[in-house]
């Protein structure tokens, strides 16, 4: 078994809150678990190839606040092997902890090869620290991964987590960046390639932005789109300003903007923090569709990513419903060499019978609240009012 060769010294001792496990002495499943201070977390997270913004403070703090976040580092034989950021609240009216891990833990260091054999023990350790030792309820959202999703789900089952109801549209589309730009172009579907050629003749320009000015332009496009299409907006769009203006360079998303005669017609925000780039947000004007601006915009992203040696995948996300036209667009861009990987369902576990009952009750209440809000939105705008990412 290969161990991740990241020294404990990569995080100074004064930034490690404790050399003990968060709730007691000793090890958990063979790991030494240490809590990491907030001002060290993002630098630590950037050392993993599977880092995503949902596991960083630059995303979580402006969205949830710092007081409910717990940042844990897992060491084995003196080496940092995994890390997880979790958000912990109390179930309303009780003292029972309710903890959420979204798209974590991170377990693939930039320094070494993958070690999937460690996953069952890692998930068991996460369960013990965040659920069993606190007698609480833990929700974990695994990230869809074109190479590791099956192994992750198997490890979660082995660690005692239980899968919940899957999404009605779980497909997630990945563009393989192996072989560079020409390999991606050869992989495109015939229709996608045809529309790209048309877009290239429409006099469009493309710019990349990492400034507040570029963000303001994107916001304008996004607000126009939401108002025009009556989206039910549940996205964390409000985190973008902090991400663009304050995040450290390895974690800072970039904005691509497409213009026609100087007027913005399409834009997207791309996370490039790990070996997988992620399409976070997209927006367009009425003029974008006849100009085929989306095709040129996505191709500009491909050109950018294939010039970055560490990038292996471009995660296009999915679509809000099984019948969405986005499926065809993304399937054509993923092409012959891409991968369609289902988003794993949410997994849960409980550290006590009381936590089990209260946790599932809280989930049911949240689901009912969301269904009511979505139903009211549909009554107001009709079935065309879709949900944003």
Protein backbone atom coordinates (compact mmCIF):
# COMPACT_ATOMS: atom_id res chain seq x y z
CA UNK A 1 0.00 0.00 0.00
CA UNK A 2 1.40 3.41 -0.97
CA UNK A 3 1.12 6.17 1.60
CA UNK A 4 0.61 9.83 0.78
CA UNK A 5 3.99 11.41 1.37
CA UNK A 6 2.90 14.75 2.83
CA UNK A 7 4.68 15.50 6.09
CA UNK A 8 2.94 16.61 9.25
CA UNK A 9 5.35 19.55 9.02
CA UNK A 10 3.38 20.81 6.00
CA UNK A 11 1.02 22.33 8.58
CA UNK A 12 2.88 24.21 11.36
CA UNK A 13 2.11 22.95 14.87
CA UNK A 14 0.65 26.28 15.94
CA UNK A 15 -2.01 25.90 13.23
CA UNK A 16 -3.03 22.45 14.43
CA UNK A 17 -5.64 22.84 17.15
CA UNK A 18 -4.90 19.55 18.89
CA UNK A 19 -2.70 16.51 18.62
CA UNK A 20 -5.53 14.40 19.99
CA UNK A 21 -8.62 13.15 18.24
CA UNK A 22 -11.38 15.78 18.36
CA UNK A 23 -13.24 14.02 21.16
CA UNK A 24 -10.61 11.93 22.88
CA UNK A 25 -7.12 10.52 22.95
CA UNK A 26 -5.63 7.88 20.69
CA UNK A 27 -6.26 6.94 17.08
CA UNK A 28 -9.35 6.21 15.01
CA UNK A 29 -9.14 3.25 12.60
CA UNK A 30 -5.35 3.66 12.64
CA UNK A 31 -5.47 7.39 11.80
CA UNK A 32 -4.32 10.23 14.00
CA UNK A 33 -7.02 12.88 13.67
CA UNK A 34 -6.12 16.50 14.25
CA UNK A 35 -8.24 19.62 13.98
CA UNK A 36 -6.82 22.32 11.70
CA UNK A 37 -7.09 26.06 12.30
CA UNK A 38 -9.11 28.09 9.82
CA UNK A 39 -6.15 30.15 8.57
CA UNK A 40 -4.30 26.98 7.51
CA UNK A 41 -7.15 25.00 5.99
CA UNK A 42 -7.24 26.26 2.39
CA UNK A 43 -3.49 25.81 1.93
CA UNK A 44 -3.84 22.25 3.19
CA UNK A 45 -6.85 21.57 0.95
CA UNK A 46 -4.99 22.85 -2.12
CA UNK A 47 -2.55 19.96 -1.65
CA UNK A 48 -5.15 17.42 -2.77
CA UNK A 49 -5.94 16.57 -6.39
CA UNK A 50 -9.59 15.95 -5.49
CA UNK A 51 -10.08 19.34 -3.79
CA UNK A 52 -13.39 21.03 -4.61
CA UNK A 53 -14.67 24.39 -3.44
CA UNK A 54 -17.22 22.79 -1.13
CA UNK A 55 -14.27 21.55 0.94
CA UNK A 56 -12.64 25.00 1.27
CA UNK A 57 -13.07 27.87 3.70
CA UNK A 58 -13.12 30.44 0.90
CA UNK A 59 -16.43 28.87 -0.18
CA UNK A 60 -17.88 27.68 3.14
CA UNK A 61 -17.18 30.63 5.44
CA UNK A 62 -19.11 33.28 3.45
CA UNK A 63 -21.96 30.82 2.95
CA UNK A 64 -22.30 29.25 6.40
CA UNK A 65 -20.12 31.33 8.72
CA UNK A 66 -16.99 30.03 10.51
CA UNK A 67 -18.56 28.98 13.80
CA UNK A 68 -20.18 25.75 12.54
CA UNK A 69 -17.22 24.45 10.51
CA UNK A 70 -14.95 21.62 11.65
CA UNK A 71 -11.72 20.96 9.72
CA UNK A 72 -10.07 17.59 10.28
CA UNK A 73 -6.76 16.20 9.01
CA UNK A 74 -6.08 12.44 9.04
CA UNK A 75 -2.50 11.25 9.47
CA UNK A 76 -1.04 7.79 9.09
CA UNK A 77 2.55 6.95 10.01
CA UNK A 78 3.26 10.68 10.24
CA UNK A 79 1.94 11.46 6.76
CA UNK A 80 -1.15 13.47 5.88
CA UNK A 81 -3.45 11.06 4.01
CA UNK A 82 -6.88 12.72 4.01
CA UNK A 83 -8.80 15.79 5.16
CA UNK A 84 -12.42 16.80 5.53
CA UNK A 85 -14.39 19.98 6.16
CA UNK A 86 -17.74 19.41 7.87
CA UNK A 87 -20.60 21.71 8.87
CA UNK A 88 -22.23 20.88 12.21
CA UNK A 89 -25.47 22.26 13.60
CA UNK A 90 -27.95 20.98 16.18
CA UNK A 91 -31.25 19.45 15.17
CA UNK A 92 -33.81 22.18 16.05
CA UNK A 93 -35.11 21.88 19.59
CA UNK A 94 -32.44 19.37 20.60
CA UNK A 95 -28.74 19.12 21.40
CA UNK A 96 -28.24 16.31 18.84
CA UNK A 97 -25.50 17.24 16.32
CA UNK A 98 -26.47 17.30 12.64
CA UNK A 99 -23.34 17.24 10.46
CA UNK A 100 -23.01 17.63 6.70
CA UNK A 101 -19.99 16.73 4.55
CA UNK A 102 -20.33 17.82 0.94
CA UNK A 103 -17.99 16.29 -1.65
CA UNK A 104 -15.48 15.08 0.87
CA UNK A 105 -13.34 13.79 2.39
CA UNK A 106 -10.37 14.61 0.19
CA UNK A 107 -8.05 11.62 -0.08
CA UNK A 108 -5.93 12.03 -3.24
CA UNK A 109 -2.71 13.95 -2.53
CA UNK A 110 -0.85 15.82 -5.27
CA UNK A 111 2.32 14.06 -4.09
CA UNK A 112 1.50 10.38 -4.62
CA UNK A 113 -0.62 7.85 -6.45
CA UNK A 114 -4.15 7.00 -5.36
CA UNK A 115 -4.72 4.52 -2.52
CA UNK A 116 -8.37 3.38 -2.75
CA UNK A 117 -7.67 0.46 -0.38
CA UNK A 118 -7.66 3.01 2.45
CA UNK A 119 -11.20 4.23 1.75
CA UNK A 120 -13.24 1.81 3.93
CA UNK A 121 -11.12 2.67 6.98
CA UNK A 122 -11.24 6.39 6.15
CA UNK A 123 -15.03 6.49 5.91
CA UNK A 124 -15.29 4.46 9.08
CA UNK A 125 -13.02 6.97 10.85
CA UNK A 126 -15.11 9.89 9.53
CA UNK A 127 -18.23 8.16 10.81
CA UNK A 128 -16.75 7.53 14.26
CA UNK A 129 -15.47 11.09 14.72
CA UNK A 130 -18.44 12.98 13.27
CA UNK A 131 -21.35 10.69 14.23
CA UNK A 132 -20.60 7.90 16.72
CA UNK A 133 -18.45 9.83 19.20
CA UNK A 134 -20.96 12.72 19.21
CA UNK A 135 -24.09 10.52 19.12
CA UNK A 136 -25.11 12.63 16.17
CA UNK A 137 -26.49 12.36 12.63
CA UNK A 138 -24.11 12.58 9.67
CA UNK A 139 -24.93 13.28 6.02
CA UNK A 140 -22.24 12.73 3.41
CA UNK A 141 -22.51 13.72 -0.24
CA UNK A 142 -19.89 11.82 -2.30
CA UNK A 143 -18.60 13.54 -5.40
CA UNK A 144 -19.30 11.94 -8.77
CA UNK A 145 -15.95 10.70 -10.06
CA UNK A 146 -15.34 9.07 -13.45
CA UNK A 147 -12.70 6.76 -11.96
CA UNK A 148 -13.60 6.23 -8.29
CA UNK A 149 -17.36 6.55 -7.70
CA UNK A 150 -17.99 2.80 -7.55
CA UNK A 151 -15.18 2.24 -5.04
CA UNK A 152 -16.31 5.19 -2.91
CA UNK A 153 -19.89 3.88 -2.70
CA UNK A 154 -18.69 0.39 -1.81
CA UNK A 155 -16.47 1.84 0.94
CA UNK A 156 -19.36 3.89 2.33
CA UNK A 157 -21.51 0.77 2.58
CA UNK A 158 -18.68 -1.08 4.32
CA UNK A 159 -18.35 1.78 6.83
CA UNK A 160 -22.04 1.57 7.77
CA UNK A 161 -23.44 4.48 5.74
CA UNK A 162 -26.79 3.99 4.02
CA UNK A 163 -27.72 5.40 0.63
CA UNK A 164 -30.82 7.57 0.32
CA UNK A 165 -33.07 8.17 -2.69
CA UNK A 166 -31.04 8.83 -5.86
CA UNK A 167 -31.54 11.85 -8.08
CA UNK A 168 -34.13 11.65 -10.88
CA UNK A 169 -31.45 12.94 -13.29
CA UNK A 170 -28.15 11.62 -11.89
CA UNK A 171 -26.07 11.73 -15.09
CA UNK A 172 -22.95 13.87 -14.83
CA UNK A 173 -20.81 14.52 -17.88
CA UNK A 174 -17.01 14.50 -17.95
CA UNK A 175 -14.77 15.59 -20.82
CA UNK A 176 -11.49 13.67 -20.86
CA UNK A 177 -8.58 16.08 -21.38
CA UNK A 178 -6.09 13.30 -22.08
CA UNK A 179 -4.33 13.79 -25.41
CA UNK A 180 -4.84 17.53 -25.54
CA UNK A 181 -7.02 19.80 -27.62
CA UNK A 182 -6.92 17.78 -30.82
CA UNK A 183 -7.99 14.61 -29.02
CA UNK A 184 -10.95 16.44 -27.48
CA UNK A 185 -11.94 17.89 -30.86
CA UNK A 186 -11.82 14.44 -32.48
CA UNK A 187 -14.01 13.11 -29.67
CA UNK A 188 -16.82 15.65 -30.17
CA UNK A 189 -20.12 14.49 -31.63
CA UNK A 190 -20.73 15.44 -35.25
CA UNK A 191 -23.54 17.85 -34.32
CA UNK A 192 -21.45 19.54 -31.65
CA UNK A 193 -18.56 20.02 -34.08
CA UNK A 194 -20.95 21.45 -36.69
CA UNK A 195 -22.35 24.02 -34.23
CA UNK A 196 -18.86 25.02 -33.12
CA UNK A 197 -17.88 25.75 -36.72
CA UNK A 198 -20.99 27.92 -37.09
CA UNK A 199 -20.18 29.77 -33.86
CA UNK A 200 -16.63 30.52 -35.04
CA UNK A 201 -18.09 32.43 -38.02
CA UNK A 202 -20.34 34.70 -35.93
CA UNK A 203 -17.77 37.35 -34.99
CA UNK A 204 -17.70 36.45 -31.29
CA UNK A 205 -14.84 37.28 -28.94
CA UNK A 206 -13.77 35.48 -25.78
CA UNK A 207 -12.12 36.93 -22.66
CA UNK A 208 -11.02 35.44 -19.35
CA UNK A 209 -11.52 37.47 -16.16
CA UNK A 210 -10.50 37.18 -12.52
CA UNK A 211 -11.51 40.70 -11.48
CA UNK A 212 -14.54 42.30 -9.84
CA UNK A 213 -15.34 43.94 -13.18
CA UNK A 214 -15.64 40.56 -14.89
CA UNK A 215 -17.75 39.30 -12.00
CA UNK A 216 -20.12 42.27 -12.33
CA UNK A 217 -20.58 41.52 -16.04
CA UNK A 218 -21.31 37.88 -15.26
CA UNK A 219 -23.80 38.83 -12.53
CA UNK A 220 -25.68 41.04 -15.00
CA UNK A 221 -25.95 38.14 -17.47
CA UNK A 222 -26.99 35.75 -14.71
CA UNK A 223 -29.73 38.03 -13.38
CA UNK A 224 -31.07 38.53 -16.92
CA UNK A 225 -31.19 34.77 -17.43
CA UNK A 226 -32.93 34.03 -14.12
CA UNK A 227 -35.53 36.72 -14.78
CA UNK A 228 -36.09 35.60 -18.37
CA UNK A 229 -36.35 31.86 -17.66
CA UNK A 230 -37.92 32.13 -14.17
CA UNK A 231 -35.40 29.76 -12.65
CA UNK A 232 -35.95 28.64 -9.09
CA UNK A 233 -32.51 29.74 -7.96
CA UNK A 234 -31.07 27.46 -5.25
CA UNK A 235 -27.44 27.98 -6.24
CA UNK A 236 -24.68 29.42 -3.99
CA UNK A 237 -24.20 32.31 -6.41
CA UNK A 238 -23.70 34.68 -3.47
CA UNK A 239 -20.32 33.07 -2.69
CA UNK A 240 -18.77 34.18 -5.98
CA UNK A 241 -17.65 37.63 -4.89
CA UNK A 242 -15.56 36.25 -2.03
CA UNK A 243 -14.17 33.47 -4.23
CA UNK A 244 -13.11 35.83 -7.01
CA UNK A 245 -11.73 38.60 -4.82
CA UNK A 246 -10.29 36.78 -1.79
CA UNK A 247 -9.53 33.13 -2.53
CA UNK A 248 -5.87 32.16 -2.87
CA UNK A 249 -4.73 31.74 -6.47
CA UNK A 250 -4.91 27.90 -6.67
CA UNK A 251 -8.54 27.98 -5.47
CA UNK A 252 -9.77 31.08 -7.31
CA UNK A 253 -12.31 30.36 -10.09
CA UNK A 254 -12.02 32.11 -13.43
CA UNK A 255 -14.75 33.74 -15.52
CA UNK A 256 -15.03 33.28 -19.27
CA UNK A 257 -17.12 35.85 -21.17
CA UNK A 258 -18.29 35.75 -24.78
CA UNK A 259 -19.16 39.04 -26.50
CA UNK A 260 -20.73 40.10 -29.77
CA UNK A 261 -19.77 43.61 -30.89
CA UNK A 262 -18.60 44.34 -27.36
CA UNK A 263 -21.84 43.21 -25.68
CA UNK A 264 -21.66 40.15 -23.40
CA UNK A 265 -23.90 37.32 -24.57
CA UNK A 266 -22.66 34.34 -22.53
CA UNK A 267 -20.46 33.60 -19.55
CA UNK A 268 -19.37 30.86 -17.18
CA UNK A 269 -17.47 30.46 -13.92
CA UNK A 270 -14.94 27.61 -13.91
CA UNK A 271 -13.30 26.03 -10.86
CA UNK A 272 -9.74 24.93 -11.70
CA UNK A 273 -8.51 24.07 -8.21
CA UNK A 274 -7.80 20.34 -8.61
CA UNK A 275 -7.07 17.92 -11.44
CA UNK A 276 -10.74 18.21 -12.43
CA UNK A 277 -12.09 21.56 -13.63
CA UNK A 278 -15.76 22.14 -12.76
CA UNK A 279 -18.38 24.19 -14.58
CA UNK A 280 -19.82 26.07 -11.59
CA UNK A 281 -22.22 28.62 -13.08
CA UNK A 282 -23.36 29.63 -16.54
CA UNK A 283 -25.40 32.53 -17.91
CA UNK A 284 -26.56 33.81 -21.28
CA UNK A 285 -28.59 36.55 -22.97
CA UNK A 286 -31.37 36.09 -25.53
CA UNK A 287 -28.84 36.59 -28.31
CA UNK A 288 -26.67 33.64 -27.24
CA UNK A 289 -28.73 30.81 -28.77
CA UNK A 290 -28.85 31.98 -32.43
CA UNK A 291 -25.17 32.95 -32.19
CA UNK A 292 -24.31 29.50 -30.77
CA UNK A 293 -22.30 31.34 -28.14
CA UNK A 294 -22.41 28.41 -25.73
CA UNK A 295 -20.43 26.25 -28.14
CA UNK A 296 -17.66 28.81 -28.55
CA UNK A 297 -17.58 29.46 -24.80
CA UNK A 298 -17.17 25.80 -23.92
CA UNK A 299 -14.51 25.34 -26.57
CA UNK A 300 -12.59 28.28 -25.09
CA UNK A 301 -12.69 26.43 -21.75
CA UNK A 302 -11.34 23.28 -23.42
CA UNK A 303 -8.48 25.27 -24.97
CA UNK A 304 -7.63 26.72 -21.57
CA UNK A 305 -7.76 23.42 -19.70
CA UNK A 306 -5.77 21.37 -22.21
CA UNK A 307 -2.92 23.86 -21.74
CA UNK A 308 -2.79 23.04 -18.00
CA UNK A 309 -0.69 19.88 -17.44
CA UNK A 310 -2.39 18.87 -14.16
CA UNK A 311 -5.90 18.81 -15.62
CA UNK A 312 -7.39 15.39 -16.40
CA UNK A 313 -11.15 16.05 -16.53
CA UNK A 314 -13.64 18.81 -17.21
CA UNK A 315 -16.77 18.24 -15.12
CA UNK A 316 -19.77 19.70 -16.98
CA UNK A 317 -22.27 18.82 -14.27
CA UNK A 318 -25.66 17.45 -15.20
CA UNK A 319 -29.13 18.77 -15.89
CA UNK A 320 -32.10 19.50 -13.65
CA UNK A 321 -34.42 16.97 -15.30
CA UNK A 322 -34.22 13.85 -17.41
CA UNK A 323 -35.84 15.65 -20.36
CA UNK A 324 -33.57 18.71 -20.39
CA UNK A 325 -31.90 19.65 -23.70
CA UNK A 326 -28.69 20.15 -21.72
CA UNK A 327 -28.17 16.39 -21.73
CA UNK A 328 -27.70 16.36 -25.51
CA UNK A 329 -25.39 19.41 -25.44
CA UNK A 330 -23.18 17.97 -22.69
CA UNK A 331 -23.20 14.45 -24.13
CA UNK A 332 -21.95 15.86 -27.44
CA UNK A 333 -19.15 17.79 -25.72
CA UNK A 334 -18.09 14.79 -23.62
CA UNK A 335 -17.96 12.89 -26.89
CA UNK A 336 -16.54 9.46 -27.56
CA UNK A 337 -13.68 9.78 -25.06
CA UNK A 338 -15.70 11.26 -22.22
CA UNK A 339 -17.47 9.57 -19.34
CA UNK A 340 -21.05 9.78 -18.12
CA UNK A 341 -20.96 9.00 -14.40
CA UNK A 342 -24.03 9.00 -12.17
CA UNK A 343 -23.98 11.33 -9.20
CA UNK A 344 -23.99 9.08 -6.11
CA UNK A 345 -26.93 9.55 -3.76
CA UNK A 346 -26.66 11.15 -0.36
CA UNK A 347 -25.40 8.77 2.36
CA UNK A 348 -26.33 8.95 6.05
CA UNK A 349 -25.43 7.33 9.36
CA UNK A 350 -26.42 7.90 12.98
CA UNK A 351 -24.45 7.63 16.21
CA UNK A 352 -27.49 6.70 18.34
CA UNK A 353 -31.11 5.56 17.92
CA UNK A 354 -32.28 9.04 18.91
CA UNK A 355 -30.04 10.65 16.30
CA UNK A 356 -31.40 8.21 13.71
CA UNK A 357 -35.02 9.18 14.37
CA UNK A 358 -34.39 12.92 14.72
CA UNK A 359 -32.01 13.06 11.76
CA UNK A 360 -34.40 11.35 9.37
CA UNK A 361 -37.19 13.56 10.68
CA UNK A 362 -35.13 16.68 9.96
CA UNK A 363 -34.40 15.41 6.44
CA UNK A 364 -38.11 14.77 5.81
CA UNK A 365 -39.00 18.25 7.07
CA UNK A 366 -36.36 19.85 4.86
CA UNK A 367 -37.56 17.88 1.83
CA UNK A 368 -41.17 18.93 2.47
CA UNK A 369 -40.13 22.58 2.81
CA UNK A 370 -38.22 22.46 -0.48
CA UNK A 371 -41.10 20.72 -2.26
CA UNK A 372 -43.52 23.40 -1.02
CA UNK A 373 -41.22 26.23 -2.16
CA UNK A 374 -40.75 24.60 -5.56
CA UNK A 375 -44.49 24.00 -5.89
CA UNK A 376 -45.26 27.65 -5.15
CA UNK A 377 -42.66 28.71 -7.71
CA UNK A 378 -44.23 26.41 -10.30
CA UNK A 379 -47.71 27.80 -9.57
CA UNK A 380 -46.41 31.30 -10.16
CA UNK A 381 -44.27 30.69 -13.26
CA UNK A 382 -45.51 27.38 -14.66
CA UNK A 383 -43.55 24.22 -15.32
CA UNK A 384 -40.97 26.12 -17.40
CA UNK A 385 -39.50 27.58 -14.21
CA UNK A 386 -36.53 25.28 -13.71
CA UNK A 387 -34.01 24.92 -10.92
CA UNK A 388 -30.56 26.45 -11.26
CA UNK A 389 -27.52 24.39 -10.26
